[in-house]
Amino acid sequence: MVSGNIHIHLGKDYCLEVFITEGEAEDILNFIGRIRAMRGVQRVKYTMVPLADTSEHWL
């Protein structure tokens, strides 16, 4: 489900983690819920972008 991530240190005590995911919306929302439940996580923001079927685009 996670196809990539970026981890950035923001000062001494904070980090920014960006996850790029692919999959069913329900599975991704479950993943977001598990991240929110982790101790120390202060904020979770997300954007979901539906991807169109591009299989014919490359013909």
Protein backbone atom coordinates (compact mmCIF):
# COMPACT_ATOMS: atom_id res chain seq x y z
CA MET A 1 0.00 0.00 0.00
CA VAL A 2 2.79 2.51 0.80
CA SER A 3 4.63 3.12 -2.45
CA GLY A 4 6.99 5.76 -1.05
CA ASN A 5 7.69 8.09 1.83
CA ILE A 6 9.74 11.14 2.75
CA HIS A 7 11.09 11.83 6.25
CA ILE A 8 12.30 15.34 7.09
CA HIS A 9 13.69 16.60 10.42
CA LEU A 10 12.16 19.92 11.49
CA GLY A 11 14.34 21.20 14.26
CA LYS A 12 15.40 19.24 17.31
CA ASP A 13 12.07 17.71 18.35
CA TYR A 14 9.89 17.43 15.24
CA CYS A 15 9.74 15.47 12.00
CA LEU A 16 7.56 15.57 8.91
CA GLU A 17 6.63 12.25 7.35
CA VAL A 18 4.96 12.11 3.93
CA PHE A 19 3.49 8.82 2.71
CA ILE A 20 2.52 8.11 -0.89
CA THR A 21 -0.02 5.30 -0.96
CA GLU A 22 -1.94 3.32 -3.54
CA GLY A 23 -4.94 1.13 -2.88
CA GLU A 24 -8.56 1.06 -1.90
CA ALA A 25 -9.84 4.14 -0.06
CA GLU A 26 -11.03 2.05 2.89
CA ASP A 27 -7.55 0.53 3.35
CA ILE A 28 -5.88 3.94 3.11
CA LEU A 29 -8.29 5.45 5.65
CA ASN A 30 -7.54 2.54 7.98
CA PHE A 31 -3.80 3.27 7.57
CA ILE A 32 -4.44 6.95 8.39
CA GLY A 33 -6.35 5.92 11.52
CA ARG A 34 -3.44 3.76 12.68
CA ILE A 35 -1.01 6.66 12.17
CA ARG A 36 -3.29 9.00 14.15
CA ALA A 37 -3.41 6.52 17.04
CA MET A 38 0.38 6.41 17.41
CA ARG A 39 1.82 8.02 20.51
CA GLY A 40 3.61 11.29 19.76
CA VAL A 41 1.81 12.02 16.49
CA GLN A 42 0.60 15.60 16.73
CA ARG A 43 -1.12 16.18 13.42
CA VAL A 44 -2.27 14.10 10.47
CA LYS A 45 -3.37 15.78 7.26
CA TYR A 46 -4.13 13.92 4.08
CA THR A 47 -5.27 14.40 0.52
CA MET A 48 -6.74 11.62 -1.57
CA VAL A 49 -6.55 11.90 -5.35
CA PRO A 50 -8.43 9.33 -7.43
CA LEU A 51 -6.35 8.11 -10.34
CA ALA A 52 -7.99 7.52 -13.70
CA ASP A 53 -7.30 4.36 -15.66
CA THR A 54 -4.38 5.36 -17.87
CA SER A 55 -3.91 2.02 -19.62
CA GLU A 56 -5.14 3.43 -22.95
CA HIS A 57 -3.26 6.72 -22.56
CA TRP A 58 0.05 5.17 -23.60
CA LEU A 59 -1.25 3.48 -26.77
